C-alpha cells in the first residue's frame, strides 16, 4: 500500500539523542516528518490553523471545516491504523536497524509477532 507521507526507519536512527525517547519528543519528531508542510486535511488538503492545529499535533481526532471528514495526523500516512504509540514505533524501528530479530523485539517490547510484522510492512525500508 502506498502512502502519501511516510517515514523511513533510517530517519529515526539518524536522529537519536539523549532526549529523543521522551514520548512528546517522539510524537513531535514523527509528525514533523510526516507533515513537513504543516497540518492539513488528508482528504481535501486544506491547511489547518489555530486551535485545530494544536489538536492535530496532539494526535487528536478532528473534523475538517472544509470537507467535514474526520481524521488524525496519522490518517493517510504509513502510521494510519496502527495502535502503537509514537515511542513504541520509534523503538521498533531502532531495534530493527540495530539488527535485533523479530522474536527478540517481540519479547523486549511485549508485542505479538503478528503485530510486529504489520509494523515492519508499514516501514517498507526495513530489511
PDB file of N, CA and C in Angstrom:
ATOM      1  N   UNK A   1       0.839  -1.170   0.000  1.00  0.00           N
ATOM      2  CA  UNK A   1       0.000   0.000   0.000  1.00  0.00           C
ATOM      3  C   UNK A   1       0.887   1.238   0.000  1.00  0.00           C
ATOM      4  N   UNK A   2       0.635   2.148  -0.894  1.00  0.00           N
ATOM      5  CA  UNK A   2       1.405   3.393  -0.965  1.00  0.00           C
ATOM      6  C   UNK A   2       0.748   4.441  -0.076  1.00  0.00           C
ATOM      7  N   UNK A   3       1.551   5.160   0.644  1.00  0.00           N
ATOM      8  CA  UNK A   3       1.067   6.233   1.493  1.00  0.00           C
ATOM      9  C   UNK A   3       1.651   7.537   0.987  1.00  0.00           C
ATOM     10  N   UNK A   4       0.848   8.568   1.042  1.00  0.00           N
ATOM     11  CA  UNK A   4       1.292   9.889   0.587  1.00  0.00           C
ATOM     12  C   UNK A   4       2.523  10.339   1.367  1.00  0.00           C
ATOM     13  N   UNK A   5       2.471  10.186   2.669  1.00  0.00           N
ATOM     14  CA  UNK A   5       3.576  10.591   3.537  1.00  0.00           C
ATOM     15  C   UNK A   5       4.060   9.368   4.298  1.00  0.00           C
ATOM     16  N   UNK A   6       5.348   9.206   4.409  1.00  0.00           N
ATOM     17  CA  UNK A   6       5.875   8.071   5.156  1.00  0.00           C
ATOM     18  C   UNK A   6       7.219   8.431   5.779  1.00  0.00           C
ATOM     19  N   UNK A   7       7.615   7.598   6.742  1.00  0.00           N
ATOM     20  CA  UNK A   7       8.870   7.769   7.461  1.00  0.00           C
ATOM     21  C   UNK A   7       9.703   6.524   7.219  1.00  0.00           C
ATOM     22  N   UNK A   8      10.983   6.693   7.117  1.00  0.00           N
ATOM     23  CA  UNK A   8      11.897   5.566   6.978  1.00  0.00           C
ATOM     24  C   UNK A   8      12.573   5.317   8.318  1.00  0.00           C
ATOM     25  N   UNK A   9      12.827   4.056   8.616  1.00  0.00           N
ATOM     26  CA  UNK A   9      13.480   3.701   9.874  1.00  0.00           C
ATOM     27  C   UNK A   9      14.837   4.380   9.998  1.00  0.00           C
ATOM     28  N   UNK A  10      15.567   4.514   8.904  1.00  0.00           N
ATOM     29  CA  UNK A  10      16.885   5.140   8.928  1.00  0.00           C
ATOM     30  C   UNK A  10      16.780   6.591   9.395  1.00  0.00           C
ATOM     31  N   UNK A  11      15.681   7.287   9.047  1.00  0.00           N
ATOM     32  CA  UNK A  11      15.477   8.669   9.504  1.00  0.00           C
ATOM     33  C   UNK A  11      15.483   8.729  11.028  1.00  0.00           C
ATOM     34  N   UNK A  12      14.847   7.743  11.644  1.00  0.00           N
ATOM     35  CA  UNK A  12      14.786   7.700  13.107  1.00  0.00           C
ATOM     36  C   UNK A  12      16.172   7.442  13.672  1.00  0.00           C
ATOM     37  N   UNK A  13      16.850   6.436  13.159  1.00  0.00           N
ATOM     38  CA  UNK A  13      18.179   6.085  13.669  1.00  0.00           C
ATOM     39  C   UNK A  13      19.146   7.259  13.570  1.00  0.00           C
ATOM     40  N   UNK A  14      19.025   8.057  12.534  1.00  0.00           N
ATOM     41  CA  UNK A  14      19.921   9.196  12.332  1.00  0.00           C
ATOM     42  C   UNK A  14      19.626  10.375  13.256  1.00  0.00           C
ATOM     43  N   UNK A  15      18.509  10.350  13.962  1.00  0.00           N
ATOM     44  CA  UNK A  15      18.095  11.495  14.781  1.00  0.00           C
ATOM     45  C   UNK A  15      18.234  11.275  16.283  1.00  0.00           C
ATOM     46  N   UNK A  16      18.844  10.194  16.702  1.00  0.00           N
ATOM     47  CA  UNK A  16      18.909   9.838  18.118  1.00  0.00           C
ATOM     48  C   UNK A  16      19.771  10.802  18.922  1.00  0.00           C
ATOM     49  N   UNK A  17      19.251  11.166  20.090  1.00  0.00           N
ATOM     50  CA  UNK A  17      19.990  11.918  21.101  1.00  0.00           C
ATOM     51  C   UNK A  17      19.397  11.545  22.455  1.00  0.00           C
ATOM     52  N   UNK A  18      19.994  11.972  23.590  1.00  0.00           N
ATOM     53  CA  UNK A  18      19.504  11.539  24.899  1.00  0.00           C
ATOM     54  C   UNK A  18      18.038  11.880  25.191  1.00  0.00           C
ATOM     55  N   UNK A  19      17.525  12.973  24.651  1.00  0.00           N
ATOM     56  CA  UNK A  19      16.144  13.369  24.927  1.00  0.00           C
ATOM     57  C   UNK A  19      15.132  12.762  23.958  1.00  0.00           C
ATOM     58  N   UNK A  20      15.619  12.036  22.994  1.00  0.00           N
ATOM     59  CA  UNK A  20      14.759  11.574  21.908  1.00  0.00           C
ATOM     60  C   UNK A  20      13.616  10.679  22.372  1.00  0.00           C
ATOM     61  N   UNK A  21      13.802   9.893  23.423  1.00  0.00           N
ATOM     62  CA  UNK A  21      12.807   8.895  23.814  1.00  0.00           C
ATOM     63  C   UNK A  21      11.678   9.417  24.682  1.00  0.00           C
ATOM     64  N   UNK A  22      11.672  10.691  24.977  1.00  0.00           N
ATOM     65  CA  UNK A  22      10.524  11.282  25.649  1.00  0.00           C
ATOM     66  C   UNK A  22       9.317  11.106  24.721  1.00  0.00           C
ATOM     67  N   UNK A  23       8.161  10.643  25.237  1.00  0.00           N
ATOM     68  CA  UNK A  23       7.006  10.406  24.364  1.00  0.00           C
ATOM     69  C   UNK A  23       6.610  11.622  23.523  1.00  0.00           C
ATOM     70  N   UNK A  24       6.654  12.800  24.118  1.00  0.00           N
ATOM     71  CA  UNK A  24       6.294  14.010  23.362  1.00  0.00           C
ATOM     72  C   UNK A  24       7.305  14.290  22.255  1.00  0.00           C
ATOM     73  N   UNK A  25       8.578  14.065  22.534  1.00  0.00           N
ATOM     74  CA  UNK A  25       9.611  14.267  21.506  1.00  0.00           C
ATOM     75  C   UNK A  25       9.456  13.276  20.358  1.00  0.00           C
ATOM     76  N   UNK A  26       9.154  12.018  20.689  1.00  0.00           N
ATOM     77  CA  UNK A  26       8.948  11.013  19.631  1.00  0.00           C
ATOM     78  C   UNK A  26       7.764  11.401  18.758  1.00  0.00           C
ATOM     79  N   UNK A  27       6.658  11.809  19.394  1.00  0.00           N
ATOM     80  CA  UNK A  27       5.474  12.214  18.635  1.00  0.00           C
ATOM     81  C   UNK A  27       5.790  13.410  17.743  1.00  0.00           C
ATOM     82  N   UNK A  28       6.424  14.412  18.308  1.00  0.00           N
ATOM     83  CA  UNK A  28       6.762  15.613  17.542  1.00  0.00           C
ATOM     84  C   UNK A  28       7.684  15.273  16.373  1.00  0.00           C
ATOM     85  N   UNK A  29       8.689  14.459  16.631  1.00  0.00           N
ATOM     86  CA  UNK A  29       9.635  14.091  15.580  1.00  0.00           C
ATOM     87  C   UNK A  29       8.928  13.377  14.432  1.00  0.00           C
ATOM     88  N   UNK A  30       8.107  12.381  14.766  1.00  0.00           N
ATOM     89  CA  UNK A  30       7.400  11.632  13.725  1.00  0.00           C
ATOM     90  C   UNK A  30       6.467  12.530  12.921  1.00  0.00           C
ATOM     91  N   UNK A  31       5.671  13.333  13.616  1.00  0.00           N
ATOM     92  CA  UNK A  31       4.673  14.151  12.919  1.00  0.00           C
ATOM     93  C   UNK A  31       5.305  15.248  12.070  1.00  0.00           C
ATOM     94  N   UNK A  32       6.392  15.824  12.527  1.00  0.00           N
ATOM     95  CA  UNK A  32       7.060  16.854  11.715  1.00  0.00           C
ATOM     96  C   UNK A  32       7.604  16.269  10.418  1.00  0.00           C
ATOM     97  N   UNK A  33       7.985  15.006  10.438  1.00  0.00           N
ATOM     98  CA  UNK A  33       8.477  14.380   9.217  1.00  0.00           C
ATOM     99  C   UNK A  33       7.345  13.886   8.323  1.00  0.00           C
ATOM    100  N   UNK A  34       6.254  13.490   8.934  1.00  0.00           N
ATOM    101  CA  UNK A  34       5.091  13.089   8.138  1.00  0.00           C
ATOM    102  C   UNK A  34       4.400  14.289   7.499  1.00  0.00           C
ATOM    103  N   UNK A  35       4.501  15.443   8.156  1.00  0.00           N
ATOM    104  CA  UNK A  35       3.798  16.648   7.696  1.00  0.00           C
ATOM    105  C   UNK A  35       4.744  17.849   7.644  1.00  0.00           C
ATOM    106  N   UNK A  36       5.768  17.792   6.791  1.00  0.00           N
ATOM    107  CA  UNK A  36       6.756  18.881   6.749  1.00  0.00           C
ATOM    108  C   UNK A  36       6.168  20.227   6.320  1.00  0.00           C
ATOM    109  N   UNK A  37       5.058  20.223   5.616  1.00  0.00           N
ATOM    110  CA  UNK A  37       4.420  21.477   5.185  1.00  0.00           C
ATOM    111  C   UNK A  37       3.441  22.000   6.226  1.00  0.00           C
ATOM    112  N   UNK A  38       3.326  21.302   7.357  1.00  0.00           N
ATOM    113  CA  UNK A  38       2.384  21.694   8.392  1.00  0.00           C
ATOM    114  C   UNK A  38       1.099  20.894   8.299  1.00  0.00           C
ATOM    115  N   UNK A  39       0.223  21.085   9.275  1.00  0.00           N
ATOM    116  CA  UNK A  39      -1.005  20.297   9.308  1.00  0.00           C
ATOM    117  C   UNK A  39      -1.976  20.665   8.192  1.00  0.00           C
ATOM    118  N   UNK A  40      -2.571  19.623   7.619  1.00  0.00           N
ATOM    119  CA  UNK A  40      -3.604  19.823   6.599  1.00  0.00           C
ATOM    120  C   UNK A  40      -4.529  18.617   6.596  1.00  0.00           C
ATOM    121  N   UNK A  41      -5.708  18.794   6.048  1.00  0.00           N
ATOM    122  CA  UNK A  41      -6.672  17.703   5.936  1.00  0.00           C
ATOM    123  C   UNK A  41      -6.144  16.693   4.917  1.00  0.00           C
ATOM    124  N   UNK A  42      -6.067  15.409   5.291  1.00  0.00           N
ATOM    125  CA  UNK A  42      -5.581  14.405   4.340  1.00  0.00           C
ATOM    126  C   UNK A  42      -6.575  14.126   3.214  1.00  0.00           C
ATOM    127  N   UNK A  43      -7.798  14.571   3.373  1.00  0.00           N
ATOM    128  CA  UNK A  43      -8.838  14.304   2.376  1.00  0.00           C
ATOM    129  C   UNK A  43      -8.929  15.406   1.327  1.00  0.00           C
ATOM    130  N   UNK A  44      -8.941  16.664   1.777  1.00  0.00           N
ATOM    131  CA  UNK A  44      -9.123  17.761   0.811  1.00  0.00           C
ATOM    132  C   UNK A  44      -7.910  18.674   0.710  1.00  0.00           C
ATOM    133  N   UNK A  45      -6.939  18.531   1.630  1.00  0.00           N
ATOM    134  CA  UNK A  45      -5.707  19.302   1.562  1.00  0.00           C
ATOM    135  C   UNK A  45      -5.750  20.691   2.162  1.00  0.00           C
ATOM    136  N   UNK A  46      -6.876  21.089   2.737  1.00  0.00           N
ATOM    137  CA  UNK A  46      -6.987  22.419   3.334  1.00  0.00           C
ATOM    138  C   UNK A  46      -6.066  22.518   4.552  1.00  0.00           C
ATOM    139  N   UNK A  47      -5.316  23.610   4.652  1.00  0.00           N
ATOM    140  CA  UNK A  47      -4.409  23.838   5.783  1.00  0.00           C
ATOM    141  C   UNK A  47      -5.210  23.992   7.071  1.00  0.00           C
ATOM    142  N   UNK A  48      -4.640  23.490   8.161  1.00  0.00           N
ATOM    143  CA  UNK A  48      -5.271  23.584   9.476  1.00  0.00           C
ATOM    144  C   UNK A  48      -4.533  24.634  10.276  1.00  0.00           C
ATOM    145  N   UNK A  49      -5.280  25.552  10.856  1.00  0.00           N
ATOM    146  CA  UNK A  49      -4.669  26.661  11.591  1.00  0.00           C
ATOM    147  C   UNK A  49      -5.301  26.822  12.975  1.00  0.00           C
ATOM    148  N   UNK A  50      -4.654  27.640  13.784  1.00  0.00           N
ATOM    149  CA  UNK A  50      -5.197  27.988  15.093  1.00  0.00           C
ATOM    150  C   UNK A  50      -5.271  26.817  16.048  1.00  0.00           C
ATOM    151  N   UNK A  51      -6.352  26.800  16.844  1.00  0.00           N
ATOM    152  CA  UNK A  51      -6.545  25.753  17.842  1.00  0.00           C
ATOM    153  C   UNK A  51      -6.551  24.357  17.231  1.00  0.00           C
ATOM    154  N   UNK A  52      -7.148  24.260  16.066  1.00  0.00           N
ATOM    155  CA  UNK A  52      -7.231  22.958  15.400  1.00  0.00           C
ATOM    156  C   UNK A  52      -5.838  22.400  15.107  1.00  0.00           C
ATOM    157  N   UNK A  53      -4.882  23.261  14.805  1.00  0.00           N
ATOM    158  CA  UNK A  53      -3.513  22.800  14.545  1.00  0.00           C
ATOM    159  C   UNK A  53      -2.928  22.153  15.801  1.00  0.00           C
ATOM    160  N   UNK A  54      -3.234  22.708  16.966  1.00  0.00           N
ATOM    161  CA  UNK A  54      -2.780  22.114  18.222  1.00  0.00           C
ATOM    162  C   UNK A  54      -3.343  20.714  18.413  1.00  0.00           C
ATOM    163  N   UNK A  55      -4.610  20.538  18.089  1.00  0.00           N
ATOM    164  CA  UNK A  55      -5.233  19.209  18.176  1.00  0.00           C
ATOM    165  C   UNK A  55      -4.553  18.237  17.210  1.00  0.00           C
ATOM    166  N   UNK A  56      -4.238  18.734  16.029  1.00  0.00           N
ATOM    167  CA  UNK A  56      -3.570  17.909  15.022  1.00  0.00           C
ATOM    168  C   UNK A  56      -2.243  17.392  15.568  1.00  0.00           C
ATOM    169  N   UNK A  57      -1.407  18.298  16.104  1.00  0.00           N
ATOM    170  CA  UNK A  57      -0.084  17.904  16.600  1.00  0.00           C
ATOM    171  C   UNK A  57      -0.171  17.014  17.835  1.00  0.00           C
ATOM    172  N   UNK A  58      -1.314  17.023  18.531  1.00  0.00           N
ATOM    173  CA  UNK A  58      -1.502  16.166  19.704  1.00  0.00           C
ATOM    174  C   UNK A  58      -2.117  14.814  19.341  1.00  0.00           C
ATOM    175  N   UNK A  59      -2.289  14.559  18.049  1.00  0.00           N
ATOM    176  CA  UNK A  59      -2.873  13.316  17.532  1.00  0.00           C
ATOM    177  C   UNK A  59      -4.336  13.135  17.930  1.00  0.00           C
ATOM    178  N   UNK A  60      -5.038  14.223  18.152  1.00  0.00           N
ATOM    179  CA  UNK A  60      -6.462  14.169  18.484  1.00  0.00           C
ATOM    180  C   UNK A  60      -7.273  14.060  17.201  1.00  0.00           C
ATOM    181  N   UNK A  61      -8.407  13.375  17.298  1.00  0.00           N
ATOM    182  CA  UNK A  61      -9.291  13.312  16.138  1.00  0.00           C
ATOM    183  C   UNK A  61      -9.905  14.684  15.916  1.00  0.00           C
ATOM    184  N   UNK A  62     -10.027  15.056  14.659  1.00  0.00           N
ATOM    185  CA  UNK A  62     -10.610  16.348  14.325  1.00  0.00           C
ATOM    186  C   UNK A  62     -11.488  16.218  13.097  1.00  0.00           C
ATOM    187  N   UNK A  63     -12.267  17.249  12.857  1.00  0.00           N
ATOM    188  CA  UNK A  63     -13.161  17.285  11.702  1.00  0.00           C
ATOM    189  C   UNK A  63     -12.788  18.486  10.852  1.00  0.00           C
ATOM    190  N   UNK A  64     -12.564  18.238   9.566  1.00  0.00           N
ATOM    191  CA  UNK A  64     -12.196  19.310   8.646  1.00  0.00           C
ATOM    192  C   UNK A  64     -13.376  20.257   8.466  1.00  0.00           C
ATOM    193  N   UNK A  65     -13.111  21.551   8.608  1.00  0.00           N
ATOM    194  CA  UNK A  65     -14.160  22.554   8.429  1.00  0.00           C
ATOM    195  C   UNK A  65     -14.567  22.688   6.963  1.00  0.00           C
ATOM    196  N   UNK A  66     -13.678  22.296   6.052  1.00  0.00           N
ATOM    197  CA  UNK A  66     -13.970  22.435   4.621  1.00  0.00           C
ATOM    198  C   UNK A  66     -14.765  21.249   4.066  1.00  0.00           C
ATOM    199  N   UNK A  67     -14.298  20.018   4.332  1.00  0.00           N
ATOM    200  CA  UNK A  67     -14.951  18.844   3.728  1.00  0.00           C
ATOM    201  C   UNK A  67     -15.791  18.035   4.705  1.00  0.00           C
ATOM    202  N   UNK A  68     -15.619  18.299   6.011  1.00  0.00           N
ATOM    203  CA  UNK A  68     -16.429  17.618   7.014  1.00  0.00           C
ATOM    204  C   UNK A  68     -15.967  16.226   7.405  1.00  0.00           C
ATOM    205  N   UNK A  69     -14.855  15.765   6.863  1.00  0.00           N
ATOM    206  CA  UNK A  69     -14.373  14.423   7.195  1.00  0.00           C
ATOM    207  C   UNK A  69     -13.507  14.444   8.443  1.00  0.00           C
ATOM    208  N   UNK A  70     -13.556  13.336   9.193  1.00  0.00           N
ATOM    209  CA  UNK A  70     -12.780  13.208  10.423  1.00  0.00           C
ATOM    210  C   UNK A  70     -11.438  12.544  10.126  1.00  0.00           C
ATOM    211  N   UNK A  71     -10.426  12.932  10.915  1.00  0.00           N
ATOM    212  CA  UNK A  71      -9.078  12.387  10.721  1.00  0.00           C
ATOM    213  C   UNK A  71      -8.201  12.730  11.910  1.00  0.00           C
ATOM    214  N   UNK A  72      -7.016  12.109  11.941  1.00  0.00           N
ATOM    215  CA  UNK A  72      -5.951  12.478  12.870  1.00  0.00           C
ATOM    216  C   UNK A  72      -4.702  12.735  12.030  1.00  0.00           C
ATOM    217  N   UNK A  73      -3.625  13.119  12.684  1.00  0.00           N
ATOM    218  CA  UNK A  73      -2.370  13.369  11.968  1.00  0.00           C
ATOM    219  C   UNK A  73      -1.798  12.088  11.358  1.00  0.00           C
ATOM    220  N   UNK A  74      -2.254  10.925  11.799  1.00  0.00           N
ATOM    221  CA  UNK A  74      -1.782   9.659  11.230  1.00  0.00           C
ATOM    222  C   UNK A  74      -2.527   9.275   9.953  1.00  0.00           C
ATOM    223  N   UNK A  75      -3.713   9.814   9.739  1.00  0.00           N
ATOM    224  CA  UNK A  75      -4.529   9.460   8.577  1.00  0.00           C
ATOM    225  C   UNK A  75      -3.769   9.752   7.287  1.00  0.00           C
ATOM    226  N   UNK A  76      -3.759   8.790   6.381  1.00  0.00           N
ATOM    227  CA  UNK A  76      -3.088   8.969   5.096  1.00  0.00           C
ATOM    228  C   UNK A  76      -1.584   8.771   5.135  1.00  0.00           C
ATOM    229  N   UNK A  77      -1.055   8.272   6.256  1.00  0.00           N
ATOM    230  CA  UNK A  77       0.382   8.034   6.395  1.00  0.00           C
ATOM    231  C   UNK A  77       0.629   6.547   6.625  1.00  0.00           C
ATOM    232  N   UNK A  78       1.887   6.148   6.677  1.00  0.00           N
ATOM    233  CA  UNK A  78       2.179   4.747   6.961  1.00  0.00           C
ATOM    234  C   UNK A  78       1.918   4.379   8.423  1.00  0.00           C
ATOM    235  N   UNK A  79       1.539   5.340   9.246  1.00  0.00           N
ATOM    236  CA  UNK A  79       1.183   5.061  10.636  1.00  0.00           C
ATOM    237  C   UNK A  79      -0.321   4.931  10.837  1.00  0.00           C
ATOM    238  N   UNK A  80      -1.104   5.166   9.800  1.00  0.00           N
ATOM    239  CA  UNK A  80      -2.566   5.108   9.902  1.00  0.00           C
ATOM    240  C   UNK A  80      -3.013   3.719  10.339  1.00  0.00           C
ATOM    241  N   UNK A  81      -3.905   3.683  11.311  1.00  0.00           N
ATOM    242  CA  UNK A  81      -4.475   2.422  11.770  1.00  0.00           C
ATOM    243  C   UNK A  81      -3.645   1.668  12.788  1.00  0.00           C
ATOM    244  N   UNK A  82      -2.409   2.063  13.002  1.00  0.00           N
ATOM    245  CA  UNK A  82      -1.579   1.388  13.994  1.00  0.00           C
ATOM    246  C   UNK A  82      -1.942   1.901  15.380  1.00  0.00           C
ATOM    247  N   UNK A  83      -2.108   0.974  16.315  1.00  0.00           N
ATOM    248  CA  UNK A  83      -2.489   1.350  17.681  1.00  0.00           C
ATOM    249  C   UNK A  83      -1.291   1.758  18.536  1.00  0.00           C
ATOM    250  N   UNK A  84      -0.107   1.420  18.112  1.00  0.00           N
ATOM    251  CA  UNK A  84       1.099   1.692  18.902  1.00  0.00           C
ATOM    252  C   UNK A  84       1.322   3.182  19.075  1.00  0.00           C
ATOM    253  N   UNK A  85       1.886   3.535  20.218  1.00  0.00           N
ATOM    254  CA  UNK A  85       2.276   4.913  20.452  1.00  0.00           C
ATOM    255  C   UNK A  85       3.508   5.265  19.637  1.00  0.00           C
ATOM    256  N   UNK A  86       3.761   6.538  19.528  1.00  0.00           N
ATOM    257  CA  UNK A  86       4.912   7.003  18.741  1.00  0.00           C
ATOM    258  C   UNK A  86       6.225   6.474  19.300  1.00  0.00           C
ATOM    259  N   UNK A  87       6.363   6.453  20.614  1.00  0.00           N
ATOM    260  CA  UNK A  87       7.607   5.967  21.216  1.00  0.00           C
ATOM    261  C   UNK A  87       7.827   4.487  20.893  1.00  0.00           C
ATOM    262  N   UNK A  88       6.762   3.696  20.935  1.00  0.00           N
ATOM    263  CA  UNK A  88       6.882   2.279  20.612  1.00  0.00           C
ATOM    264  C   UNK A  88       7.295   2.080  19.155  1.00  0.00           C
ATOM    265  N   UNK A  89       6.737   2.883  18.264  1.00  0.00           N
ATOM    266  CA  UNK A  89       7.105   2.768  16.854  1.00  0.00           C
ATOM    267  C   UNK A  89       8.566   3.153  16.626  1.00  0.00           C
ATOM    268  N   UNK A  90       9.010   4.185  17.313  1.00  0.00           N
ATOM    269  CA  UNK A  90      10.412   4.597  17.215  1.00  0.00           C
ATOM    270  C   UNK A  90      11.321   3.482  17.738  1.00  0.00           C
ATOM    271  N   UNK A  91      10.971   2.921  18.887  1.00  0.00           N
ATOM    272  CA  UNK A  91      11.787   1.838  19.456  1.00  0.00           C
ATOM    273  C   UNK A  91      11.840   0.638  18.513  1.00  0.00           C
ATOM    274  N   UNK A  92      10.710   0.288  17.932  1.00  0.00           N
ATOM    275  CA  UNK A  92      10.673  -0.831  16.991  1.00  0.00           C
ATOM    276  C   UNK A  92      11.645  -0.593  15.835  1.00  0.00           C
ATOM    277  N   UNK A  93      11.576   0.576  15.232  1.00  0.00           N
ATOM    278  CA  UNK A  93      12.453   0.881  14.094  1.00  0.00           C
ATOM    279  C   UNK A  93      13.925   0.849  14.493  1.00  0.00           C
ATOM    280  N   UNK A  94      14.226   1.384  15.654  1.00  0.00           N
ATOM    281  CA  UNK A  94      15.622   1.374  16.109  1.00  0.00           C
ATOM    282  C   UNK A  94      16.126  -0.043  16.352  1.00  0.00           C
ATOM    283  N   UNK A  95      15.277  -0.883  16.925  1.00  0.00           N
ATOM    284  CA  UNK A  95      15.693  -2.260  17.194  1.00  0.00           C
ATOM    285  C   UNK A  95      15.903  -3.025  15.888  1.00  0.00           C
ATOM    286  N   UNK A  96      15.065  -2.778  14.905  1.00  0.00           N
ATOM    287  CA  UNK A  96      15.257  -3.404  13.591  1.00  0.00           C
ATOM    288  C   UNK A  96      16.576  -2.921  12.981  1.00  0.00           C
ATOM    289  N   UNK A  97      16.797  -1.607  13.015  1.00  0.00           N
ATOM    290  CA  UNK A  97      18.033  -1.047  12.452  1.00  0.00           C
ATOM    291  C   UNK A  97      19.269  -1.576  13.179  1.00  0.00           C
ATOM    292  N   UNK A  98      19.119  -1.877  14.479  1.00  0.00           N
ATOM    293  CA  UNK A  98      20.243  -2.396  15.267  1.00  0.00           C
ATOM    294  C   UNK A  98      20.470  -3.890  15.034  1.00  0.00           C
ATOM    295  N   UNK A  99      19.584  -4.537  14.287  1.00  0.00           N
ATOM    296  CA  UNK A  99      19.784  -5.937  13.954  1.00  0.00           C
ATOM    297  C   UNK A  99      19.103  -6.943  14.863  1.00  0.00           C
ATOM    298  N   UNK A 100      18.225  -6.498  15.751  1.00  0.00           N
ATOM    299  CA  UNK A 100      17.502  -7.431  16.608  1.00  0.00           C
ATOM    300  C   UNK A 100      16.566  -8.289  15.758  1.00  0.00           C
ATOM    301  N   UNK A 101      16.378  -9.535  16.158  1.00  0.00           N
ATOM    302  CA  UNK A 101      15.425 -10.405  15.466  1.00  0.00           C
ATOM    303  C   UNK A 101      14.003  -9.985  15.852  1.00  0.00           C
ATOM    304  N   UNK A 102      13.053 -10.355  15.025  1.00  0.00           N
ATOM    305  CA  UNK A 102      11.659 -10.035  15.335  1.00  0.00           C
ATOM    306  C   UNK A 102      11.234 -10.703  16.642  1.00  0.00           C
ATOM    307  N   UNK A 103      11.684 -11.932  16.891  1.00  0.00           N
ATOM    308  CA  UNK A 103      11.338 -12.627  18.132  1.00  0.00           C
ATOM    309  C   UNK A 103      11.894 -11.883  19.343  1.00  0.00           C
ATOM    310  N   UNK A 104      13.117 -11.393  19.233  1.00  0.00           N
ATOM    311  CA  UNK A 104      13.729 -10.642  20.326  1.00  0.00           C
ATOM    312  C   UNK A 104      12.984  -9.331  20.574  1.00  0.00           C
ATOM    313  N   UNK A 105      12.609  -8.658  19.511  1.00  0.00           N
ATOM    314  CA  UNK A 105      11.852  -7.407  19.651  1.00  0.00           C
ATOM    315  C   UNK A 105      10.506  -7.686  20.307  1.00  0.00           C
ATOM    316  N   UNK A 106       9.847  -8.747  19.893  1.00  0.00           N
ATOM    317  CA  UNK A 106       8.545  -9.104  20.470  1.00  0.00           C
ATOM    318  C   UNK A 106       8.666  -9.312  21.976  1.00  0.00           C
ATOM    319  N   UNK A 107       9.697 -10.031  22.403  1.00  0.00           N
ATOM    320  CA  UNK A 107       9.906 -10.263  23.836  1.00  0.00           C
ATOM    321  C   UNK A 107      10.202  -8.963  24.570  1.00  0.00           C
ATOM    322  N   UNK A 108      11.108  -8.171  24.036  1.00  0.00           N
ATOM    323  CA  UNK A 108      11.531  -6.942  24.707  1.00  0.00           C
ATOM    324  C   UNK A 108      10.415  -5.899  24.791  1.00  0.00           C
ATOM    325  N   UNK A 109       9.591  -5.842  23.751  1.00  0.00           N
ATOM    326  CA  UNK A 109       8.529  -4.834  23.712  1.00  0.00           C
ATOM    327  C   UNK A 109       7.187  -5.382  24.190  1.00  0.00           C
ATOM    328  N   UNK A 110       7.131  -6.696  24.452  1.00  0.00           N
ATOM    329  CA  UNK A 110       5.898  -7.349  24.882  1.00  0.00           C
ATOM    330  C   UNK A 110       4.770  -7.127  23.863  1.00  0.00           C
ATOM    331  N   UNK A 111       5.110  -7.358  22.604  1.00  0.00           N
ATOM    332  CA  UNK A 111       4.171  -7.198  21.493  1.00  0.00           C
ATOM    333  C   UNK A 111       4.203  -8.489  20.678  1.00  0.00           C
ATOM    334  N   UNK A 112       3.056  -8.921  20.202  1.00  0.00           N
ATOM    335  CA  UNK A 112       2.971 -10.144  19.408  1.00  0.00           C
ATOM    336  C   UNK A 112       3.720 -10.036  18.088  1.00  0.00           C
ATOM    337  N   UNK A 113       4.224 -11.178  17.626  1.00  0.00           N
ATOM    338  CA  UNK A 113       4.967 -11.212  16.365  1.00  0.00           C
ATOM    339  C   UNK A 113       4.120 -10.756  15.182  1.00  0.00           C
ATOM    340  N   UNK A 114       2.862 -11.136  15.138  1.00  0.00           N
ATOM    341  CA  UNK A 114       1.996 -10.721  14.023  1.00  0.00           C
ATOM    342  C   UNK A 114       1.895  -9.199  13.966  1.00  0.00           C
ATOM    343  N   UNK A 115       1.782  -8.582  15.127  1.00  0.00           N
ATOM    344  CA  UNK A 115       1.712  -7.120  15.180  1.00  0.00           C
ATOM    345  C   UNK A 115       3.015  -6.513  14.689  1.00  0.00           C
ATOM    346  N   UNK A 116       4.139  -7.070  15.107  1.00  0.00           N
ATOM    347  CA  UNK A 116       5.434  -6.545  14.672  1.00  0.00           C
ATOM    348  C   UNK A 116       5.629  -6.682  13.167  1.00  0.00           C
ATOM    349  N   UNK A 117       5.153  -7.772  12.595  1.00  0.00           N
ATOM    350  CA  UNK A 117       5.263  -7.919  11.140  1.00  0.00           C
ATOM    351  C   UNK A 117       4.390  -6.896  10.419  1.00  0.00           C
ATOM    352  N   UNK A 118       3.271  -6.522  11.021  1.00  0.00           N
ATOM    353  CA  UNK A 118       2.456  -5.442  10.454  1.00  0.00           C
ATOM    354  C   UNK A 118       3.243  -4.133  10.484  1.00  0.00           C
ATOM    355  N   UNK A 119       3.904  -3.845  11.607  1.00  0.00           N
ATOM    356  CA  UNK A 119       4.733  -2.637  11.693  1.00  0.00           C
ATOM    357  C   UNK A 119       5.815  -2.664  10.617  1.00  0.00           C
ATOM    358  N   UNK A 120       6.468  -3.818  10.492  1.00  0.00           N
ATOM    359  CA  UNK A 120       7.559  -3.930   9.525  1.00  0.00           C
ATOM    360  C   UNK A 120       7.052  -3.702   8.104  1.00  0.00           C
ATOM    361  N   UNK A 121       5.867  -4.197   7.813  1.00  0.00           N
ATOM    362  CA  UNK A 121       5.271  -3.978   6.492  1.00  0.00           C
ATOM    363  C   UNK A 121       5.034  -2.488   6.244  1.00  0.00           C
ATOM    364  N   UNK A 122       4.637  -1.759   7.275  1.00  0.00           N
ATOM    365  CA  UNK A 122       4.382  -0.325   7.135  1.00  0.00           C
ATOM    366  C   UNK A 122       5.659   0.466   6.898  1.00  0.00           C
ATOM    367  N   UNK A 123       6.744   0.019   7.522  1.00  0.00           N
ATOM    368  CA  UNK A 123       8.040   0.668   7.334  1.00  0.00           C
ATOM    369  C   UNK A 123       8.787  -0.137   6.278  1.00  0.00           C
ATOM    370  N   UNK A 124       8.463   0.070   5.030  1.00  0.00           N
ATOM    371  CA  UNK A 124       8.937  -0.772   3.933  1.00  0.00           C
ATOM    372  C   UNK A 124      10.446  -0.740   3.739  1.00  0.00           C
ATOM    373  N   UNK A 125      11.111   0.256   4.267  1.00  0.00           N
ATOM    374  CA  UNK A 125      12.564   0.319   4.093  1.00  0.00           C
ATOM    375  C   UNK A 125      13.298  -0.637   5.021  1.00  0.00           C
ATOM    376  N   UNK A 126      12.597  -1.249   5.982  1.00  0.00           N
ATOM    377  CA  UNK A 126      13.253  -2.163   6.911  1.00  0.00           C
ATOM    378  C   UNK A 126      13.587  -3.467   6.207  1.00  0.00           C
ATOM    379  N   UNK A 127      14.774  -3.971   6.446  1.00  0.00           N
ATOM    380  CA  UNK A 127      15.204  -5.217   5.794  1.00  0.00           C
ATOM    381  C   UNK A 127      14.927  -6.399   6.672  1.00  0.00           C
TER     382      UNK A 127
END
